């Protein structure tokens, strides 16, 4: 996936039948992350975000930190408290 560094943060909620938030798409400085709030893993067959198909995406459970580098140098850090 290509990443264009941008100075913005965004969140688009994903609803179940328009009533319950089940997750969302988090955009952080050009990186697109899928956040799942369900107890079970989401079905990603035929799902695409920003033109990238997620059929073979690797999922991580309760990630608490993302470190972003520019080249070999630290640039940004995203901390998540569960």
Protein backbone atom coordinates (compact mmCIF):
# COMPACT_ATOMS: atom_id res chain seq x y z
CA UNK A 1 0.00 0.00 0.00
CA UNK A 2 1.31 3.44 -0.90
CA UNK A 3 1.27 6.00 1.90
CA UNK A 4 1.17 9.74 1.30
CA UNK A 5 2.17 11.55 4.50
CA UNK A 6 -0.61 14.04 5.30
CA UNK A 7 -1.21 16.26 8.32
CA UNK A 8 -4.66 14.95 9.21
CA UNK A 9 -6.50 12.35 11.23
CA UNK A 10 -9.91 10.90 10.31
CA UNK A 11 -12.37 8.24 11.39
CA UNK A 12 -15.26 6.68 9.44
CA UNK A 13 -17.49 4.41 11.57
CA UNK A 14 -18.77 1.08 10.24
CA UNK A 15 -22.33 0.29 11.31
CA UNK A 16 -24.31 -2.96 11.64
CA UNK A 17 -27.66 -2.36 9.93
CA UNK A 18 -27.25 1.35 10.64
CA UNK A 19 -27.69 0.96 14.39
CA UNK A 20 -24.56 -0.34 16.10
CA UNK A 21 -20.96 0.73 15.50
CA UNK A 22 -18.92 -2.41 14.79
CA UNK A 23 -15.66 -0.80 13.84
CA UNK A 24 -14.23 1.90 11.69
CA UNK A 25 -11.59 3.04 9.30
CA UNK A 26 -8.97 5.22 11.01
CA UNK A 27 -6.76 7.45 8.89
CA UNK A 28 -3.63 8.70 10.64
CA UNK A 29 -1.13 10.85 8.74
CA UNK A 30 -1.74 8.97 5.48
CA UNK A 31 -1.93 5.46 6.99
CA UNK A 32 -5.27 3.65 6.78
CA UNK A 33 -6.12 1.29 9.66
CA UNK A 34 -9.17 -0.94 10.10
CA UNK A 35 -10.46 -1.01 13.69
CA UNK A 36 -12.78 -3.88 14.64
CA UNK A 37 -14.96 -3.62 17.77
CA UNK A 38 -16.69 -7.00 17.41
CA UNK A 39 -15.79 -10.05 19.48
CA UNK A 40 -15.07 -12.14 16.38
CA UNK A 41 -12.70 -11.36 13.53
CA UNK A 42 -14.33 -9.52 10.61
CA UNK A 43 -14.92 -11.24 7.27
CA UNK A 44 -12.75 -9.37 4.80
CA UNK A 45 -13.57 -11.28 1.60
CA UNK A 46 -14.33 -8.79 -1.17
CA UNK A 47 -13.63 -5.81 1.13
CA UNK A 48 -11.45 -2.96 -0.18
CA UNK A 49 -10.29 0.25 1.49
CA UNK A 50 -8.73 2.99 -0.63
CA UNK A 51 -8.52 0.53 -3.54
CA UNK A 52 -6.62 -2.13 -1.55
CA UNK A 53 -8.29 -5.53 -1.20
CA UNK A 54 -8.15 -6.93 2.34
CA UNK A 55 -8.67 -10.64 1.55
CA UNK A 56 -5.19 -11.56 2.86
CA UNK A 57 -4.73 -8.79 5.41
CA UNK A 58 -2.92 -9.72 8.59
CA UNK A 59 -4.96 -8.83 11.66
CA UNK A 60 -3.56 -7.93 15.08
CA UNK A 61 -5.45 -8.10 18.38
CA UNK A 62 -5.43 -5.13 20.79
CA UNK A 63 -2.45 -3.34 19.34
CA UNK A 64 -1.37 -0.69 21.81
CA UNK A 65 1.23 1.20 19.78
CA UNK A 66 2.06 2.06 16.20
CA UNK A 67 5.47 3.56 15.46
CA UNK A 68 5.90 5.41 12.16
CA UNK A 69 9.32 6.10 10.71
CA UNK A 70 10.57 8.24 7.87
CA UNK A 71 13.42 6.20 6.51
CA UNK A 72 15.20 4.82 9.57
CA UNK A 73 14.23 7.72 11.86
CA UNK A 74 11.18 7.84 14.20
CA UNK A 75 8.52 10.27 13.03
CA UNK A 76 5.19 9.66 14.81
CA UNK A 77 3.75 7.34 17.45
CA UNK A 78 0.08 6.40 17.87
CA UNK A 79 -0.87 5.03 21.32
CA UNK A 80 -4.18 3.21 21.90
CA UNK A 81 -5.57 2.56 25.38
CA UNK A 82 -8.08 -0.30 25.58
